[in-house]
């Protein structure tokens, strides 16, 4: 039976503690990127009837005028990301010594004690190497940038089809702050790219998307009016869920 190879522990070499040089550029890994869309299950006629009933209730009237349902694709994104960053900080230290000490060798540098009253000490700058790993993930609403946990059942359920660039160009995507994977990646990368407080030099910096999936969900946008009152209602063309457009 073959023996399992033991994992080698990372050794810390003096070269890792060099303060000179530029900060390491953040590497962003997006190999897990996938795009899907859902087909419509609800007909425009049904969407219009739903808008008539729900629109009247929302506006607080008995009768409303309903526009022709217009279908757009709302964008949602589900991602899990891992941030890994190592960086150097300097921590000044004052170490007390006896008055008999004339010098101290630390590494390759000699430090001469200084006297302050009856206190003899040497001052050194300790270079500390930090490594931080952070995870982030959510189901994101492409319009607002906020969480969309209510959509989890739909997005993780059946019925998805791969969305190609040709499909995207042929269909109307609803506007939003983060209505594409590229915008989501850019926003997450901006947050992950912030330099840690007090970092003298960033030695390594990676952002890896363990999961990165975008979903285009068909939604009927219907405008309902009653006199001077009006409201746009959204009717999910997959599961019939009704909401107010904001």
Protein backbone atom coordinates (compact mmCIF):
# COMPACT_ATOMS: atom_id res chain seq x y z
CA UNK A 1 0.00 0.00 0.00
CA UNK A 2 1.46 3.35 -1.07
CA UNK A 3 2.17 5.83 1.67
CA UNK A 4 0.42 9.14 1.56
CA UNK A 5 2.70 12.05 0.89
CA UNK A 6 2.80 14.40 3.84
CA UNK A 7 2.11 18.04 3.13
CA UNK A 8 5.18 20.20 3.44
CA UNK A 9 4.85 23.09 5.83
CA UNK A 10 5.54 26.49 4.41
CA UNK A 11 8.86 27.85 5.61
CA UNK A 12 9.33 31.52 6.33
CA UNK A 13 12.43 32.87 4.68
CA UNK A 14 13.99 36.32 5.31
CA UNK A 15 13.08 37.33 1.75
CA UNK A 16 9.39 37.30 2.70
CA UNK A 17 10.02 40.14 5.15
CA UNK A 18 11.52 42.64 2.72
CA UNK A 19 9.81 46.00 3.01
CA UNK A 20 11.09 47.37 -0.27
CA UNK A 21 9.26 46.90 -3.54
CA UNK A 22 5.78 47.55 -4.85
CA UNK A 23 2.60 46.07 -3.43
CA UNK A 24 1.57 42.79 -5.04
CA UNK A 25 -1.26 43.25 -7.54
CA UNK A 26 -4.46 41.42 -6.71
CA UNK A 27 -5.11 38.35 -8.83
CA UNK A 28 -8.79 37.66 -9.52
CA UNK A 29 -9.82 34.11 -10.38
CA UNK A 30 -13.20 33.77 -12.18
CA UNK A 31 -12.94 30.32 -13.78
CA UNK A 32 -16.21 29.26 -12.09
CA UNK A 33 -18.18 31.87 -14.05
CA UNK A 34 -21.51 30.59 -15.43
CA UNK A 35 -24.58 32.30 -16.91
CA UNK A 36 -28.13 30.99 -17.06
CA UNK A 37 -31.57 32.16 -18.09
CA UNK A 38 -35.09 30.93 -17.37
CA UNK A 39 -37.82 30.50 -19.95
CA UNK A 40 -41.29 31.99 -19.47
CA UNK A 41 -44.05 29.82 -18.01
CA UNK A 42 -46.71 32.49 -17.61
CA UNK A 43 -48.46 34.03 -20.63
CA UNK A 44 -48.85 37.81 -21.09
CA UNK A 45 -52.65 37.48 -20.84
CA UNK A 46 -52.42 35.99 -17.37
CA UNK A 47 -49.90 38.61 -16.31
CA UNK A 48 -52.32 41.34 -17.37
CA UNK A 49 -55.16 39.82 -15.34
CA UNK A 50 -52.94 39.52 -12.28
CA UNK A 51 -51.92 43.16 -12.70
CA UNK A 52 -55.57 44.25 -12.83
CA UNK A 53 -56.40 42.56 -9.53
CA UNK A 54 -53.20 43.31 -7.63
CA UNK A 55 -52.88 46.80 -9.13
CA UNK A 56 -56.30 47.82 -7.87
CA UNK A 57 -55.41 46.57 -4.40
CA UNK A 58 -52.03 48.32 -4.39
CA UNK A 59 -53.53 51.66 -5.51
CA UNK A 60 -56.53 51.26 -3.21
CA UNK A 61 -59.15 51.56 -5.95
CA UNK A 62 -61.75 49.31 -7.51
CA UNK A 63 -60.72 49.66 -11.14
CA UNK A 64 -57.43 50.32 -12.97
CA UNK A 65 -56.17 50.70 -16.50
CA UNK A 66 -53.47 48.21 -17.41
CA UNK A 67 -50.75 48.68 -20.03
CA UNK A 68 -49.50 45.90 -22.27
CA UNK A 69 -47.09 43.67 -20.31
CA UNK A 70 -43.47 44.29 -21.28
CA UNK A 71 -41.02 41.49 -20.59
CA UNK A 72 -37.52 42.18 -19.29
CA UNK A 73 -34.94 39.93 -17.69
CA UNK A 74 -34.01 40.78 -14.12
CA UNK A 75 -30.47 39.78 -13.21
CA UNK A 76 -29.43 37.94 -10.06
CA UNK A 77 -26.06 36.59 -9.03
CA UNK A 78 -24.96 33.95 -6.57
CA UNK A 79 -21.31 33.98 -5.59
CA UNK A 80 -18.91 32.61 -2.99
CA UNK A 81 -15.49 34.22 -2.88
CA UNK A 82 -12.28 33.66 -0.93
CA UNK A 83 -9.89 36.53 -0.25
CA UNK A 84 -6.33 35.63 0.66
CA UNK A 85 -3.89 38.40 1.48
CA UNK A 86 -0.48 38.48 3.14
CA UNK A 87 1.16 41.74 4.10
CA UNK A 88 3.88 43.28 6.24
CA UNK A 89 3.47 45.67 9.14
CA UNK A 90 6.09 47.39 11.27
CA UNK A 91 5.70 47.28 15.06
CA UNK A 92 8.10 49.51 17.04
CA UNK A 93 9.44 47.83 20.17
CA UNK A 94 11.39 49.20 23.12
CA UNK A 95 13.35 46.52 24.97
CA UNK A 96 14.88 47.19 28.37
CA UNK A 97 18.51 46.18 28.97
CA UNK A 98 20.98 46.54 31.80
CA UNK A 99 23.39 49.46 31.84
CA UNK A 100 26.27 47.05 31.20
CA UNK A 101 24.94 46.26 27.70
CA UNK A 102 26.84 48.34 25.14
CA UNK A 103 25.21 46.92 22.02
CA UNK A 104 22.86 44.26 20.78
CA UNK A 105 22.98 42.33 17.52
CA UNK A 106 19.55 41.52 16.13
CA UNK A 107 19.74 39.75 12.81
CA UNK A 108 22.53 41.55 10.98
CA UNK A 109 22.00 44.92 12.62
CA UNK A 110 23.67 46.32 15.75
CA UNK A 111 21.55 48.42 18.12
CA UNK A 112 23.05 50.75 20.72
CA UNK A 113 21.12 51.19 23.98
CA UNK A 114 19.84 54.62 24.92
CA UNK A 115 19.40 55.96 28.43
CA UNK A 116 16.32 57.76 29.67
CA UNK A 117 16.74 58.49 33.35
CA UNK A 118 17.70 55.18 34.96
CA UNK A 119 16.12 53.19 32.14
CA UNK A 120 18.38 51.68 29.48
CA UNK A 121 16.70 50.33 26.33
CA UNK A 122 17.06 49.58 22.66
CA UNK A 123 14.41 50.49 20.10
CA UNK A 124 13.78 48.12 17.22
CA UNK A 125 11.20 47.89 14.49
CA UNK A 126 9.71 44.41 14.28
CA UNK A 127 8.54 43.41 10.82
CA UNK A 128 5.46 41.18 11.11
CA UNK A 129 4.02 39.06 8.32
CA UNK A 130 0.24 38.69 8.44
CA UNK A 131 -1.90 36.30 6.44
CA UNK A 132 -5.65 36.82 6.32
CA UNK A 133 -8.31 34.66 4.71
CA UNK A 134 -11.84 35.95 4.39
CA UNK A 135 -14.91 34.52 2.74
CA UNK A 136 -17.83 36.39 1.25
CA UNK A 137 -20.95 35.20 -0.50
CA UNK A 138 -24.55 36.07 -1.19
CA UNK A 139 -27.43 35.93 -3.61
CA UNK A 140 -27.42 39.43 -5.04
CA UNK A 141 -30.21 41.47 -6.61
CA UNK A 142 -28.73 43.00 -9.75
CA UNK A 143 -30.97 46.06 -9.56
CA UNK A 144 -30.28 47.19 -6.01
CA UNK A 145 -27.08 45.34 -5.10
CA UNK A 146 -28.80 44.06 -1.96
CA UNK A 147 -29.42 40.45 -0.89
CA UNK A 148 -32.10 38.43 -2.67
CA UNK A 149 -32.55 35.39 -0.43
CA UNK A 150 -36.23 35.19 -1.43
CA UNK A 151 -35.11 34.13 -4.93
CA UNK A 152 -32.94 31.22 -3.75
CA UNK A 153 -35.56 28.53 -4.33
CA UNK A 154 -36.15 29.69 -7.90
CA UNK A 155 -32.51 30.24 -8.81
CA UNK A 156 -31.29 26.92 -7.45
CA UNK A 157 -34.24 24.98 -8.84
CA UNK A 158 -34.76 23.36 -12.25
CA UNK A 159 -35.40 25.01 -15.61
CA UNK A 160 -32.15 26.89 -16.15
CA UNK A 161 -30.53 27.08 -19.57
CA UNK A 162 -27.08 28.35 -20.47
CA UNK A 163 -27.11 32.00 -21.52
CA UNK A 164 -24.74 32.80 -24.35
CA UNK A 165 -23.57 36.27 -25.41
CA UNK A 166 -25.82 35.93 -28.47
CA UNK A 167 -28.84 35.23 -26.23
CA UNK A 168 -28.03 38.25 -24.03
CA UNK A 169 -27.74 40.59 -27.02
CA UNK A 170 -31.16 39.49 -28.33
CA UNK A 171 -33.06 39.98 -25.07
CA UNK A 172 -33.90 43.05 -23.00
CA UNK A 173 -32.02 43.07 -19.72
CA UNK A 174 -33.55 45.15 -16.92
CA UNK A 175 -31.37 48.09 -15.78
CA UNK A 176 -29.54 47.87 -12.48
CA UNK A 177 -26.33 48.73 -10.61
CA UNK A 178 -25.10 45.15 -10.93
CA UNK A 179 -27.03 43.67 -13.87
CA UNK A 180 -24.11 41.61 -15.22
CA UNK A 181 -21.42 39.31 -13.86
CA UNK A 182 -18.77 41.81 -14.93
CA UNK A 183 -20.30 44.50 -12.72
CA UNK A 184 -20.53 42.09 -9.77
CA UNK A 185 -16.91 41.02 -10.19
CA UNK A 186 -15.79 44.65 -10.38
CA UNK A 187 -17.70 45.60 -7.21
CA UNK A 188 -16.46 42.64 -5.16
CA UNK A 189 -12.90 43.15 -6.43
CA UNK A 190 -13.02 46.82 -5.41
CA UNK A 191 -13.87 45.86 -1.83
CA UNK A 192 -11.31 43.04 -1.76
CA UNK A 193 -8.62 45.31 -3.19
CA UNK A 194 -8.54 47.65 -0.20
CA UNK A 195 -5.15 47.79 1.52
CA UNK A 196 -5.16 46.65 5.18
CA UNK A 197 -4.61 49.41 7.72
CA UNK A 198 -0.95 49.97 8.46
CA UNK A 199 0.30 47.63 5.73
CA UNK A 200 3.84 48.54 4.72
CA UNK A 201 3.87 46.15 1.79
CA UNK A 202 1.40 43.62 0.43
CA UNK A 203 3.27 40.41 -0.36
CA UNK A 204 0.45 38.45 -2.03
CA UNK A 205 -3.18 39.18 -2.83
CA UNK A 206 -5.73 36.85 -4.44
CA UNK A 207 -9.49 36.85 -4.83
CA UNK A 208 -10.92 33.52 -5.94
CA UNK A 209 -14.57 33.06 -6.83
CA UNK A 210 -15.40 29.52 -5.70
CA UNK A 211 -18.89 29.98 -7.16
CA UNK A 212 -19.96 32.66 -9.63
CA UNK A 213 -23.32 32.22 -11.32
CA UNK A 214 -25.56 34.78 -12.99
CA UNK A 215 -29.26 34.26 -13.68
CA UNK A 216 -31.58 36.09 -16.06
CA UNK A 217 -35.17 35.81 -14.84
CA UNK A 218 -38.06 36.89 -17.14
CA UNK A 219 -40.36 39.43 -15.54
CA UNK A 220 -43.44 41.20 -16.91
CA UNK A 221 -43.43 44.93 -16.20
CA UNK A 222 -47.00 46.24 -16.22
CA UNK A 223 -48.05 49.85 -15.60
CA UNK A 224 -51.39 50.30 -13.85
CA UNK A 225 -53.15 53.67 -13.54
CA UNK A 226 -56.22 55.02 -11.82
CA UNK A 227 -56.70 58.75 -12.37
CA UNK A 228 -53.50 60.45 -11.21
CA UNK A 229 -52.31 57.35 -9.41
CA UNK A 230 -49.96 54.99 -11.18
CA UNK A 231 -47.61 52.16 -10.34
CA UNK A 232 -45.45 49.66 -12.23
CA UNK A 233 -45.99 46.09 -11.14
CA UNK A 234 -43.56 43.23 -11.71
CA UNK A 235 -44.89 39.74 -12.37
CA UNK A 236 -42.35 36.93 -12.39
CA UNK A 237 -42.89 35.01 -15.64
CA UNK A 238 -41.58 31.78 -14.09
CA UNK A 239 -43.43 31.45 -10.76
CA UNK A 240 -45.99 34.28 -10.93
CA UNK A 241 -44.63 36.19 -7.93
CA UNK A 242 -45.87 39.78 -7.80
CA UNK A 243 -43.91 42.79 -6.58
CA UNK A 244 -43.80 46.55 -6.98
CA UNK A 245 -41.08 48.01 -9.19
CA UNK A 246 -38.75 50.30 -7.25
